[in-house]
Amino acid sequence: MPEAAPFRVHELASAIESKLGDEKLKLREAAGQIGISAATLSRVINGKLPDTGSFAALVNWLGVSADLFIAGPQRTTGPEAIEAHLRADRTLPPATASALAALVRAAYQDLGRPENKEI
């Protein structure tokens, strides 16, 4: 039986913390928006693995692909991957990570993906 792909719970926690900070949300407010308990949200922020239903609700609330938090050969590339790395950087303020992520998304939209352009 194949081994399960490693889960990047710390990157998920960082993305959640960034959104909480960006939107100035309290834990209970965010949990209500997500549709999970505040206790579950707290556990995920503290590095515990969420169940599949909570994980789906979290990535939906974050507005990102679930692939960003699952290691494996089919990693997401481009703006989503860059955003995940920016948000996972604990030395980068959340507002700065969000601003840089928006800049990257805008650049990709304006310039297109490099692999789709002829040189």
PDB file of N, CA and C in Angstrom:
ATOM      1  N   MET A   1       0.843  -1.177   0.000  1.00  0.00           N
ATOM      2  CA  MET A   1       0.000   0.000   0.000  1.00  0.00           C
ATOM      3  C   MET A   1       0.894   1.250   0.000  1.00  0.00           C
ATOM      4  N   PRO A   2       0.602   2.262  -0.882  1.00  0.00           N
ATOM      5  CA  PRO A   2       1.447   3.451  -0.929  1.00  0.00           C
ATOM      6  C   PRO A   2       1.364   4.259   0.354  1.00  0.00           C
ATOM      7  N   GLU A   3       2.503   4.890   0.681  1.00  0.00           N
ATOM      8  CA  GLU A   3       2.571   5.723   1.875  1.00  0.00           C
ATOM      9  C   GLU A   3       1.832   7.042   1.631  1.00  0.00           C
ATOM     10  N   ALA A   4       1.149   7.538   2.653  1.00  0.00           N
ATOM     11  CA  ALA A   4       0.417   8.801   2.543  1.00  0.00           C
ATOM     12  C   ALA A   4       1.400   9.952   2.362  1.00  0.00           C
ATOM     13  N   ALA A   5       0.982  10.936   1.562  1.00  0.00           N
ATOM     14  CA  ALA A   5       1.815  12.109   1.334  1.00  0.00           C
ATOM     15  C   ALA A   5       1.907  12.937   2.609  1.00  0.00           C
ATOM     16  N   PRO A   6       3.093  13.474   2.899  1.00  0.00           N
ATOM     17  CA  PRO A   6       3.230  14.327   4.085  1.00  0.00           C
ATOM     18  C   PRO A   6       2.352  15.575   3.968  1.00  0.00           C
ATOM     19  N   PHE A   7       1.825  15.970   5.095  1.00  0.00           N
ATOM     20  CA  PHE A   7       0.929  17.125   5.141  1.00  0.00           C
ATOM     21  C   PHE A   7       1.706  18.308   5.709  1.00  0.00           C
ATOM     22  N   ARG A   8       1.598  19.449   5.064  1.00  0.00           N
ATOM     23  CA  ARG A   8       2.316  20.662   5.494  1.00  0.00           C
ATOM     24  C   ARG A   8       1.435  21.478   6.446  1.00  0.00           C
ATOM     25  N   VAL A   9       1.251  20.965   7.642  1.00  0.00           N
ATOM     26  CA  VAL A   9       0.356  21.606   8.602  1.00  0.00           C
ATOM     27  C   VAL A   9       0.885  22.967   9.048  1.00  0.00           C
ATOM     28  N   HIS A  10       2.202  23.135   9.102  1.00  0.00           N
ATOM     29  CA  HIS A  10       2.750  24.421   9.537  1.00  0.00           C
ATOM     30  C   HIS A  10       2.513  25.508   8.492  1.00  0.00           C
ATOM     31  N   GLU A  11       2.554  25.144   7.216  1.00  0.00           N
ATOM     32  CA  GLU A  11       2.234  26.111   6.164  1.00  0.00           C
ATOM     33  C   GLU A  11       0.752  26.478   6.216  1.00  0.00           C
ATOM     34  N   LEU A  12      -0.100  25.489   6.499  1.00  0.00           N
ATOM     35  CA  LEU A  12      -1.528  25.757   6.649  1.00  0.00           C
ATOM     36  C   LEU A  12      -1.759  26.706   7.829  1.00  0.00           C
ATOM     37  N   ALA A  13      -1.113  26.427   8.945  1.00  0.00           N
ATOM     38  CA  ALA A  13      -1.257  27.275  10.134  1.00  0.00           C
ATOM     39  C   ALA A  13      -0.806  28.701   9.834  1.00  0.00           C
ATOM     40  N   SER A  14       0.295  28.833   9.119  1.00  0.00           N
ATOM     41  CA  SER A  14       0.808  30.157   8.780  1.00  0.00           C
ATOM     42  C   SER A  14      -0.155  30.915   7.870  1.00  0.00           C
ATOM     43  N   ALA A  15      -0.734  30.219   6.898  1.00  0.00           N
ATOM     44  CA  ALA A  15      -1.701  30.854   5.997  1.00  0.00           C
ATOM     45  C   ALA A  15      -2.932  31.322   6.772  1.00  0.00           C
ATOM     46  N   ILE A  16      -3.375  30.503   7.718  1.00  0.00           N
ATOM     47  CA  ILE A  16      -4.530  30.873   8.549  1.00  0.00           C
ATOM     48  C   ILE A  16      -4.191  32.101   9.392  1.00  0.00           C
ATOM     49  N   GLU A  17      -3.037  32.072  10.044  1.00  0.00           N
ATOM     50  CA  GLU A  17      -2.631  33.207  10.882  1.00  0.00           C
ATOM     51  C   GLU A  17      -2.512  34.486  10.062  1.00  0.00           C
ATOM     52  N   SER A  18      -2.006  34.365   8.839  1.00  0.00           N
ATOM     53  CA  SER A  18      -1.891  35.543   7.971  1.00  0.00           C
ATOM     54  C   SER A  18      -3.256  36.125   7.653  1.00  0.00           C
ATOM     55  N   LYS A  19      -4.204  35.253   7.326  1.00  0.00           N
ATOM     56  CA  LYS A  19      -5.537  35.749   7.004  1.00  0.00           C
ATOM     57  C   LYS A  19      -6.209  36.346   8.243  1.00  0.00           C
ATOM     58  N   LEU A  20      -6.017  35.730   9.383  1.00  0.00           N
ATOM     59  CA  LEU A  20      -6.575  36.287  10.614  1.00  0.00           C
ATOM     60  C   LEU A  20      -6.028  37.695  10.846  1.00  0.00           C
ATOM     61  N   GLY A  21      -4.730  37.845  10.650  1.00  0.00           N
ATOM     62  CA  GLY A  21      -4.103  39.147  10.846  1.00  0.00           C
ATOM     63  C   GLY A  21      -4.527  40.162   9.803  1.00  0.00           C
ATOM     64  N   ASP A  22      -4.557  39.730   8.530  1.00  0.00           N
ATOM     65  CA  ASP A  22      -4.930  40.634   7.436  1.00  0.00           C
ATOM     66  C   ASP A  22      -6.345  41.172   7.609  1.00  0.00           C
ATOM     67  N   GLU A  23      -7.244  40.297   8.044  1.00  0.00           N
ATOM     68  CA  GLU A  23      -8.656  40.682   8.172  1.00  0.00           C
ATOM     69  C   GLU A  23      -9.029  41.079   9.595  1.00  0.00           C
ATOM     70  N   LYS A  24      -8.021  41.091  10.475  1.00  0.00           N
ATOM     71  CA  LYS A  24      -8.229  41.472  11.883  1.00  0.00           C
ATOM     72  C   LYS A  24      -9.390  40.693  12.517  1.00  0.00           C
ATOM     73  N   LEU A  25      -9.351  39.370  12.303  1.00  0.00           N
ATOM     74  CA  LEU A  25     -10.401  38.495  12.818  1.00  0.00           C
ATOM     75  C   LEU A  25      -9.979  37.832  14.117  1.00  0.00           C
ATOM     76  N   LYS A  26     -10.917  37.675  15.001  1.00  0.00           N
ATOM     77  CA  LYS A  26     -10.717  36.880  16.210  1.00  0.00           C
ATOM     78  C   LYS A  26     -10.924  35.413  15.814  1.00  0.00           C
ATOM     79  N   LEU A  27     -10.371  34.535  16.619  1.00  0.00           N
ATOM     80  CA  LEU A  27     -10.447  33.102  16.348  1.00  0.00           C
ATOM     81  C   LEU A  27     -11.894  32.627  16.193  1.00  0.00           C
ATOM     82  N   ARG A  28     -12.760  33.040  17.091  1.00  0.00           N
ATOM     83  CA  ARG A  28     -14.166  32.614  17.047  1.00  0.00           C
ATOM     84  C   ARG A  28     -14.877  33.151  15.809  1.00  0.00           C
ATOM     85  N   GLU A  29     -14.561  34.385  15.423  1.00  0.00           N
ATOM     86  CA  GLU A  29     -15.171  34.959  14.213  1.00  0.00           C
ATOM     87  C   GLU A  29     -14.768  34.156  12.975  1.00  0.00           C
ATOM     88  N   ALA A  30     -13.484  33.865  12.891  1.00  0.00           N
ATOM     89  CA  ALA A  30     -12.987  33.098  11.747  1.00  0.00           C
ATOM     90  C   ALA A  30     -13.590  31.697  11.727  1.00  0.00           C
ATOM     91  N   ALA A  31     -13.639  31.052  12.891  1.00  0.00           N
ATOM     92  CA  ALA A  31     -14.215  29.707  12.963  1.00  0.00           C
ATOM     93  C   ALA A  31     -15.661  29.710  12.474  1.00  0.00           C
ATOM     94  N   GLY A  32     -16.407  30.751  12.847  1.00  0.00           N
ATOM     95  CA  GLY A  32     -17.789  30.874  12.377  1.00  0.00           C
ATOM     96  C   GLY A  32     -17.868  31.022  10.872  1.00  0.00           C
ATOM     97  N   GLN A  33     -16.967  31.816  10.300  1.00  0.00           N
ATOM     98  CA  GLN A  33     -16.936  31.983   8.840  1.00  0.00           C
ATOM     99  C   GLN A  33     -16.585  30.675   8.143  1.00  0.00           C
ATOM    100  N   ILE A  34     -15.657  29.947   8.734  1.00  0.00           N
ATOM    101  CA  ILE A  34     -15.171  28.704   8.128  1.00  0.00           C
ATOM    102  C   ILE A  34     -16.193  27.579   8.266  1.00  0.00           C
ATOM    103  N   GLY A  35     -16.882  27.563   9.397  1.00  0.00           N
ATOM    104  CA  GLY A  35     -17.834  26.487   9.653  1.00  0.00           C
ATOM    105  C   GLY A  35     -17.239  25.364  10.485  1.00  0.00           C
ATOM    106  N   ILE A  36     -16.227  25.700  11.276  1.00  0.00           N
ATOM    107  CA  ILE A  36     -15.627  24.725  12.190  1.00  0.00           C
ATOM    108  C   ILE A  36     -15.612  25.342  13.584  1.00  0.00           C
ATOM    109  N   SER A  37     -15.311  24.537  14.590  1.00  0.00           N
ATOM    110  CA  SER A  37     -15.275  25.067  15.952  1.00  0.00           C
ATOM    111  C   SER A  37     -14.006  25.877  16.171  1.00  0.00           C
ATOM    112  N   ALA A  38     -14.072  26.798  17.113  1.00  0.00           N
ATOM    113  CA  ALA A  38     -12.892  27.585  17.476  1.00  0.00           C
ATOM    114  C   ALA A  38     -11.794  26.667  18.021  1.00  0.00           C
ATOM    115  N   ALA A  39     -12.187  25.604  18.719  1.00  0.00           N
ATOM    116  CA  ALA A  39     -11.205  24.657  19.254  1.00  0.00           C
ATOM    117  C   ALA A  39     -10.454  23.956  18.127  1.00  0.00           C
ATOM    118  N   THR A  40     -11.177  23.560  17.087  1.00  0.00           N
ATOM    119  CA  THR A  40     -10.536  22.913  15.944  1.00  0.00           C
ATOM    120  C   THR A  40      -9.587  23.883  15.256  1.00  0.00           C
ATOM    121  N   LEU A  41     -10.026  25.115  15.054  1.00  0.00           N
ATOM    122  CA  LEU A  41      -9.179  26.117  14.421  1.00  0.00           C
ATOM    123  C   LEU A  41      -7.918  26.347  15.257  1.00  0.00           C
ATOM    124  N   SER A  42      -8.053  26.445  16.549  1.00  0.00           N
ATOM    125  CA  SER A  42      -6.913  26.630  17.439  1.00  0.00           C
ATOM    126  C   SER A  42      -5.939  25.460  17.332  1.00  0.00           C
ATOM    127  N   ARG A  43      -6.455  24.235  17.296  1.00  0.00           N
ATOM    128  CA  ARG A  43      -5.589  23.057  17.192  1.00  0.00           C
ATOM    129  C   ARG A  43      -4.796  23.082  15.884  1.00  0.00           C
ATOM    130  N   VAL A  44      -5.435  23.459  14.782  1.00  0.00           N
ATOM    131  CA  VAL A  44      -4.732  23.508  13.493  1.00  0.00           C
ATOM    132  C   VAL A  44      -3.648  24.583  13.526  1.00  0.00           C
ATOM    133  N   ILE A  45      -3.962  25.741  14.074  1.00  0.00           N
ATOM    134  CA  ILE A  45      -2.969  26.815  14.188  1.00  0.00           C
ATOM    135  C   ILE A  45      -1.781  26.360  15.032  1.00  0.00           C
ATOM    136  N   ASN A  46      -2.042  25.481  15.988  1.00  0.00           N
ATOM    137  CA  ASN A  46      -0.981  24.964  16.858  1.00  0.00           C
ATOM    138  C   ASN A  46      -0.308  23.707  16.313  1.00  0.00           C
ATOM    139  N   GLY A  47      -0.560  23.390  15.025  1.00  0.00           N
ATOM    140  CA  GLY A  47       0.183  22.320  14.367  1.00  0.00           C
ATOM    141  C   GLY A  47      -0.454  20.950  14.354  1.00  0.00           C
ATOM    142  N   LYS A  48      -1.711  20.832  14.744  1.00  0.00           N
ATOM    143  CA  LYS A  48      -2.394  19.530  14.715  1.00  0.00           C
ATOM    144  C   LYS A  48      -3.063  19.338  13.361  1.00  0.00           C
ATOM    145  N   LEU A  49      -3.098  18.110  12.892  1.00  0.00           N
ATOM    146  CA  LEU A  49      -3.731  17.804  11.612  1.00  0.00           C
ATOM    147  C   LEU A  49      -5.246  17.937  11.706  1.00  0.00           C
ATOM    148  N   PRO A  50      -5.872  18.625  10.754  1.00  0.00           N
ATOM    149  CA  PRO A  50      -7.336  18.697  10.752  1.00  0.00           C
ATOM    150  C   PRO A  50      -7.929  17.443  10.108  1.00  0.00           C
ATOM    151  N   ASP A  51      -9.199  17.171  10.404  1.00  0.00           N
ATOM    152  CA  ASP A  51      -9.881  16.087   9.693  1.00  0.00           C
ATOM    153  C   ASP A  51     -10.168  16.588   8.277  1.00  0.00           C
ATOM    154  N   THR A  52     -10.573  15.689   7.396  1.00  0.00           N
ATOM    155  CA  THR A  52     -10.737  16.065   5.985  1.00  0.00           C
ATOM    156  C   THR A  52     -11.810  17.134   5.778  1.00  0.00           C
ATOM    157  N   GLY A  53     -12.896  17.071   6.535  1.00  0.00           N
ATOM    158  CA  GLY A  53     -13.952  18.074   6.399  1.00  0.00           C
ATOM    159  C   GLY A  53     -13.477  19.450   6.822  1.00  0.00           C
ATOM    160  N   SER A  54     -12.750  19.503   7.929  1.00  0.00           N
ATOM    161  CA  SER A  54     -12.203  20.778   8.404  1.00  0.00           C
ATOM    162  C   SER A  54     -11.155  21.307   7.432  1.00  0.00           C
ATOM    163  N   PHE A  55     -10.321  20.409   6.916  1.00  0.00           N
ATOM    164  CA  PHE A  55      -9.300  20.818   5.953  1.00  0.00           C
ATOM    165  C   PHE A  55      -9.945  21.425   4.705  1.00  0.00           C
ATOM    166  N   ALA A  56     -10.972  20.776   4.196  1.00  0.00           N
ATOM    167  CA  ALA A  56     -11.670  21.302   3.016  1.00  0.00           C
ATOM    168  C   ALA A  56     -12.265  22.675   3.302  1.00  0.00           C
ATOM    169  N   ALA A  57     -12.868  22.839   4.469  1.00  0.00           N
ATOM    170  CA  ALA A  57     -13.447  24.134   4.837  1.00  0.00           C
ATOM    171  C   ALA A  57     -12.365  25.200   4.962  1.00  0.00           C
ATOM    172  N   LEU A  58     -11.221  24.830   5.515  1.00  0.00           N
ATOM    173  CA  LEU A  58     -10.123  25.780   5.699  1.00  0.00           C
ATOM    174  C   LEU A  58      -9.551  26.266   4.367  1.00  0.00           C
ATOM    175  N   VAL A  59      -9.271  25.338   3.451  1.00  0.00           N
ATOM    176  CA  VAL A  59      -8.693  25.776   2.169  1.00  0.00           C
ATOM    177  C   VAL A  59      -9.714  26.569   1.359  1.00  0.00           C
ATOM    178  N   ASN A  60     -10.990  26.241   1.509  1.00  0.00           N
ATOM    179  CA  ASN A  60     -12.033  27.017   0.846  1.00  0.00           C
ATOM    180  C   ASN A  60     -12.046  28.444   1.395  1.00  0.00           C
ATOM    181  N   TRP A  61     -11.985  28.580   2.701  1.00  0.00           N
ATOM    182  CA  TRP A  61     -11.970  29.893   3.350  1.00  0.00           C
ATOM    183  C   TRP A  61     -10.723  30.686   2.964  1.00  0.00           C
ATOM    184  N   LEU A  62      -9.576  29.985   2.875  1.00  0.00           N
ATOM    185  CA  LEU A  62      -8.330  30.641   2.490  1.00  0.00           C
ATOM    186  C   LEU A  62      -8.323  31.028   1.011  1.00  0.00           C
ATOM    187  N   GLY A  63      -9.112  30.310   0.217  1.00  0.00           N
ATOM    188  CA  GLY A  63      -9.158  30.587  -1.216  1.00  0.00           C
ATOM    189  C   GLY A  63      -7.934  30.078  -1.958  1.00  0.00           C
ATOM    190  N   VAL A  64      -7.362  28.985  -1.480  1.00  0.00           N
ATOM    191  CA  VAL A  64      -6.187  28.407  -2.124  1.00  0.00           C
ATOM    192  C   VAL A  64      -6.423  26.927  -2.405  1.00  0.00           C
ATOM    193  N   SER A  65      -5.546  26.349  -3.195  1.00  0.00           N
ATOM    194  CA  SER A  65      -5.629  24.933  -3.526  1.00  0.00           C
ATOM    195  C   SER A  65      -5.150  24.079  -2.353  1.00  0.00           C
ATOM    196  N   ALA A  66      -5.828  22.980  -2.122  1.00  0.00           N
ATOM    197  CA  ALA A  66      -5.412  22.037  -1.075  1.00  0.00           C
ATOM    198  C   ALA A  66      -4.032  21.462  -1.374  1.00  0.00           C
ATOM    199  N   ASP A  67      -3.646  21.421  -2.650  1.00  0.00           N
ATOM    200  CA  ASP A  67      -2.339  20.892  -3.043  1.00  0.00           C
ATOM    201  C   ASP A  67      -1.174  21.641  -2.400  1.00  0.00           C
ATOM    202  N   LEU A  68      -1.398  22.889  -2.021  1.00  0.00           N
ATOM    203  CA  LEU A  68      -0.324  23.670  -1.407  1.00  0.00           C
ATOM    204  C   LEU A  68       0.142  23.078  -0.093  1.00  0.00           C
ATOM    205  N   PHE A  69      -0.703  22.278   0.545  1.00  0.00           N
ATOM    206  CA  PHE A  69      -0.396  21.763   1.873  1.00  0.00           C
ATOM    207  C   PHE A  69      -0.140  20.260   1.889  1.00  0.00           C
ATOM    208  N   ILE A  70      -0.068  19.659   0.707  1.00  0.00           N
ATOM    209  CA  ILE A  70       0.176  18.226   0.604  1.00  0.00           C
ATOM    210  C   ILE A  70       1.417  18.012  -0.246  1.00  0.00           C
ATOM    211  N   ALA A  71       2.440  17.401   0.340  1.00  0.00           N
ATOM    212  CA  ALA A  71       3.680  17.150  -0.388  1.00  0.00           C
ATOM    213  C   ALA A  71       3.457  16.018  -1.378  1.00  0.00           C
ATOM    214  N   GLY A  72       4.105  16.108  -2.480  1.00  0.00           N
ATOM    215  CA  GLY A  72       3.990  15.050  -3.459  1.00  0.00           C
ATOM    216  C   GLY A  72       4.502  15.507  -4.799  1.00  0.00           C
ATOM    217  N   PRO A  73       4.492  14.606  -5.767  1.00  0.00           N
ATOM    218  CA  PRO A  73       5.050  14.928  -7.073  1.00  0.00           C
ATOM    219  C   PRO A  73       4.239  15.956  -7.858  1.00  0.00           C
ATOM    220  N   GLN A  74       2.965  16.148  -7.542  1.00  0.00           N
ATOM    221  CA  GLN A  74       2.125  17.070  -8.292  1.00  0.00           C
ATOM    222  C   GLN A  74       1.946  18.382  -7.522  1.00  0.00           C
ATOM    223  N   ARG A  75       3.073  19.032  -7.202  1.00  0.00           N
ATOM    224  CA  ARG A  75       3.021  20.288  -6.475  1.00  0.00           C
ATOM    225  C   ARG A  75       2.485  21.399  -7.363  1.00  0.00           C
ATOM    226  N   THR A  76       1.744  22.289  -6.762  1.00  0.00           N
ATOM    227  CA  THR A  76       1.245  23.467  -7.453  1.00  0.00           C
ATOM    228  C   THR A  76       2.418  24.400  -7.706  1.00  0.00           C
ATOM    229  N   THR A  77       2.427  25.020  -8.869  1.00  0.00           N
ATOM    230  CA  THR A  77       3.476  25.974  -9.186  1.00  0.00           C
ATOM    231  C   THR A  77       2.842  27.319  -9.495  1.00  0.00           C
ATOM    232  N   GLY A  78       3.663  28.314  -9.653  1.00  0.00           N
ATOM    233  CA  GLY A  78       3.156  29.622 -10.012  1.00  0.00           C
ATOM    234  C   GLY A  78       2.722  30.436  -8.815  1.00  0.00           C
ATOM    235  N   PRO A  79       1.765  31.353  -9.031  1.00  0.00           N
ATOM    236  CA  PRO A  79       1.371  32.290  -7.981  1.00  0.00           C
ATOM    237  C   PRO A  79       0.903  31.628  -6.681  1.00  0.00           C
ATOM    238  N   GLU A  80       0.170  30.525  -6.772  1.00  0.00           N
ATOM    239  CA  GLU A  80      -0.317  29.875  -5.544  1.00  0.00           C
ATOM    240  C   GLU A  80       0.831  29.329  -4.703  1.00  0.00           C
ATOM    241  N   ALA A  81       1.811  28.724  -5.362  1.00  0.00           N
ATOM    242  CA  ALA A  81       2.952  28.177  -4.630  1.00  0.00           C
ATOM    243  C   ALA A  81       3.775  29.302  -4.010  1.00  0.00           C
ATOM    244  N   ILE A  82       3.963  30.379  -4.764  1.00  0.00           N
ATOM    245  CA  ILE A  82       4.714  31.518  -4.240  1.00  0.00           C
ATOM    246  C   ILE A  82       3.989  32.111  -3.034  1.00  0.00           C
ATOM    247  N   GLU A  83       2.676  32.258  -3.156  1.00  0.00           N
ATOM    248  CA  GLU A  83       1.892  32.806  -2.040  1.00  0.00           C
ATOM    249  C   GLU A  83       2.003  31.929  -0.798  1.00  0.00           C
ATOM    250  N   ALA A  84       1.946  30.616  -0.984  1.00  0.00           N
ATOM    251  CA  ALA A  84       2.057  29.705   0.159  1.00  0.00           C
ATOM    252  C   ALA A  84       3.402  29.870   0.863  1.00  0.00           C
ATOM    253  N   HIS A  85       4.460  30.012   0.082  1.00  0.00           N
ATOM    254  CA  HIS A  85       5.787  30.195   0.681  1.00  0.00           C
ATOM    255  C   HIS A  85       5.892  31.545   1.392  1.00  0.00           C
ATOM    256  N   LEU A  86       5.329  32.580   0.796  1.00  0.00           N
ATOM    257  CA  LEU A  86       5.346  33.889   1.445  1.00  0.00           C
ATOM    258  C   LEU A  86       4.598  33.847   2.773  1.00  0.00           C
ATOM    259  N   ARG A  87       3.416  33.223   2.768  1.00  0.00           N
ATOM    260  CA  ARG A  87       2.609  33.158   3.990  1.00  0.00           C
ATOM    261  C   ARG A  87       3.237  32.254   5.047  1.00  0.00           C
ATOM    262  N   ALA A  88       4.017  31.277   4.598  1.00  0.00           N
ATOM    263  CA  ALA A  88       4.653  30.353   5.545  1.00  0.00           C
ATOM    264  C   ALA A  88       5.895  30.954   6.190  1.00  0.00           C
ATOM    265  N   ASP A  89       6.413  32.034   5.617  1.00  0.00           N
ATOM    266  CA  ASP A  89       7.606  32.681   6.157  1.00  0.00           C
ATOM    267  C   ASP A  89       7.242  33.446   7.432  1.00  0.00           C
ATOM    268  N   ARG A  90       7.623  32.913   8.559  1.00  0.00           N
ATOM    269  CA  ARG A  90       7.250  33.514   9.844  1.00  0.00           C
ATOM    270  C   ARG A  90       7.967  34.830  10.119  1.00  0.00           C
ATOM    271  N   THR A  91       9.013  35.143   9.343  1.00  0.00           N
ATOM    272  CA  THR A  91       9.720  36.407   9.547  1.00  0.00           C
ATOM    273  C   THR A  91       9.093  37.544   8.743  1.00  0.00           C
ATOM    274  N   LEU A  92       8.193  37.218   7.831  1.00  0.00           N
ATOM    275  CA  LEU A  92       7.558  38.212   6.974  1.00  0.00           C
ATOM    276  C   LEU A  92       6.216  38.623   7.574  1.00  0.00           C
ATOM    277  N   PRO A  93       6.000  39.915   7.802  1.00  0.00           N
ATOM    278  CA  PRO A  93       4.703  40.347   8.344  1.00  0.00           C
ATOM    279  C   PRO A  93       3.557  39.927   7.413  1.00  0.00           C
ATOM    280  N   PRO A  94       2.414  39.519   7.961  1.00  0.00           N
ATOM    281  CA  PRO A  94       1.289  39.057   7.135  1.00  0.00           C
ATOM    282  C   PRO A  94       0.861  40.060   6.070  1.00  0.00           C
ATOM    283  N   ALA A  95       0.831  41.331   6.396  1.00  0.00           N
ATOM    284  CA  ALA A  95       0.423  42.337   5.409  1.00  0.00           C
ATOM    285  C   ALA A  95       1.416  42.399   4.252  1.00  0.00           C
ATOM    286  N   THR A  96       2.695  42.245   4.538  1.00  0.00           N
ATOM    287  CA  THR A  96       3.718  42.248   3.496  1.00  0.00           C
ATOM    288  C   THR A  96       3.583  41.007   2.619  1.00  0.00           C
ATOM    289  N   ALA A  97       3.356  39.846   3.246  1.00  0.00           N
ATOM    290  CA  ALA A  97       3.162  38.613   2.476  1.00  0.00           C
ATOM    291  C   ALA A  97       1.960  38.745   1.551  1.00  0.00           C
ATOM    292  N   SER A  98       0.878  39.325   2.038  1.00  0.00           N
ATOM    293  CA  SER A  98      -0.322  39.514   1.202  1.00  0.00           C
ATOM    294  C   SER A  98      -0.054  40.472   0.054  1.00  0.00           C
ATOM    295  N   ALA A  99       0.661  41.557   0.339  1.00  0.00           N
ATOM    296  CA  ALA A  99       0.971  42.535  -0.706  1.00  0.00           C
ATOM    297  C   ALA A  99       1.864  41.921  -1.777  1.00  0.00           C
ATOM    298  N   LEU A 100       2.868  41.165  -1.363  1.00  0.00           N
ATOM    299  CA  LEU A 100       3.750  40.513  -2.335  1.00  0.00           C
ATOM    300  C   LEU A 100       2.993  39.464  -3.152  1.00  0.00           C
ATOM    301  N   ALA A 101       2.106  38.719  -2.503  1.00  0.00           N
ATOM    302  CA  ALA A 101       1.311  37.720  -3.210  1.00  0.00           C
ATOM    303  C   ALA A 101       0.410  38.381  -4.254  1.00  0.00           C
ATOM    304  N   ALA A 102      -0.188  39.512  -3.900  1.00  0.00           N
ATOM    305  CA  ALA A 102      -1.030  40.244  -4.854  1.00  0.00           C
ATOM    306  C   ALA A 102      -0.203  40.740  -6.031  1.00  0.00           C
ATOM    307  N   LEU A 103       1.008  41.187  -5.755  1.00  0.00           N
ATOM    308  CA  LEU A 103       1.907  41.644  -6.809  1.00  0.00           C
ATOM    309  C   LEU A 103       2.258  40.502  -7.766  1.00  0.00           C
ATOM    310  N   VAL A 104       2.550  39.336  -7.205  1.00  0.00           N
ATOM    311  CA  VAL A 104       2.881  38.169  -8.028  1.00  0.00           C
ATOM    312  C   VAL A 104       1.685  37.758  -8.890  1.00  0.00           C
ATOM    313  N   ARG A 105       0.481  37.722  -8.289  1.00  0.00           N
ATOM    314  CA  ARG A 105      -0.717  37.365  -9.066  1.00  0.00           C
ATOM    315  C   ARG A 105      -0.934  38.350 -10.212  1.00  0.00           C
ATOM    316  N   ALA A 106      -0.755  39.636  -9.925  1.00  0.00           N
ATOM    317  CA  ALA A 106      -0.934  40.660 -10.966  1.00  0.00           C
ATOM    318  C   ALA A 106       0.089  40.486 -12.079  1.00  0.00           C
ATOM    319  N   ALA A 107       1.323  40.187 -11.718  1.00  0.00           N
ATOM    320  CA  ALA A 107       2.366  39.979 -12.728  1.00  0.00           C
ATOM    321  C   ALA A 107       2.036  38.775 -13.607  1.00  0.00           C
ATOM    322  N   TYR A 108       1.574  37.701 -13.011  1.00  0.00           N
ATOM    323  CA  TYR A 108       1.204  36.520 -13.788  1.00  0.00           C
ATOM    324  C   TYR A 108       0.039  36.815 -14.725  1.00  0.00           C
ATOM    325  N   GLN A 109      -0.925  37.588 -14.256  1.00  0.00           N
ATOM    326  CA  GLN A 109      -2.063  37.937 -15.102  1.00  0.00           C
ATOM    327  C   GLN A 109      -1.629  38.824 -16.257  1.00  0.00           C
ATOM    328  N   ASP A 110      -0.767  39.791 -15.987  1.00  0.00           N
ATOM    329  CA  ASP A 110      -0.333  40.727 -17.020  1.00  0.00           C
ATOM    330  C   ASP A 110       0.645  40.105 -18.007  1.00  0.00           C
ATOM    331  N   LEU A 111       1.531  39.288 -17.507  1.00  0.00           N
ATOM    332  CA  LEU A 111       2.603  38.761 -18.353  1.00  0.00           C
ATOM    333  C   LEU A 111       2.365  37.344 -18.836  1.00  0.00           C
ATOM    334  N   GLY A 112       1.455  36.649 -18.231  1.00  0.00           N
ATOM    335  CA  GLY A 112       1.202  35.255 -18.608  1.00  0.00           C
ATOM    336  C   GLY A 112       2.249  34.338 -18.011  1.00  0.00           C
ATOM    337  N   ARG A 113       1.985  33.070 -18.115  1.00  0.00           N
ATOM    338  CA  ARG A 113       2.908  32.070 -17.580  1.00  0.00           C
ATOM    339  C   ARG A 113       4.079  31.906 -18.539  1.00  0.00           C
ATOM    340  N   PRO A 114       5.302  31.900 -18.012  1.00  0.00           N
ATOM    341  CA  PRO A 114       6.492  31.805 -18.863  1.00  0.00           C
ATOM    342  C   PRO A 114       6.507  30.571 -19.769  1.00  0.00           C
ATOM    343  N   GLU A 115       5.998  29.442 -19.287  1.00  0.00           N
ATOM    344  CA  GLU A 115       6.051  28.226 -20.100  1.00  0.00           C
ATOM    345  C   GLU A 115       5.054  28.264 -21.268  1.00  0.00           C
ATOM    346  N   ASN A 116       4.147  29.217 -21.268  1.00  0.00           N
ATOM    347  CA  ASN A 116       3.166  29.329 -22.356  1.00  0.00           C
ATOM    348  C   ASN A 116       3.562  30.371 -23.401  1.00  0.00           C
ATOM    349  N   LYS A 117       4.706  30.998 -23.218  1.00  0.00           N
ATOM    350  CA  LYS A 117       5.136  32.040 -24.144  1.00  0.00           C
ATOM    351  C   LYS A 117       6.330  31.562 -24.954  1.00  0.00           C
ATOM    352  N   GLU A 118       6.353  31.976 -26.207  1.00  0.00           N
ATOM    353  CA  GLU A 118       7.512  31.685 -27.047  1.00  0.00           C
ATOM    354  C   GLU A 118       8.534  32.773 -26.842  1.00  0.00           C
ATOM    355  N   ILE A 119       9.773  32.387 -26.863  1.00  0.00           N
ATOM    356  CA  ILE A 119      10.851  33.359 -26.670  1.00  0.00           C
ATOM    357  C   ILE A 119      11.299  33.895 -28.002  1.00  0.00           C
TER     358      ILE A 119
END
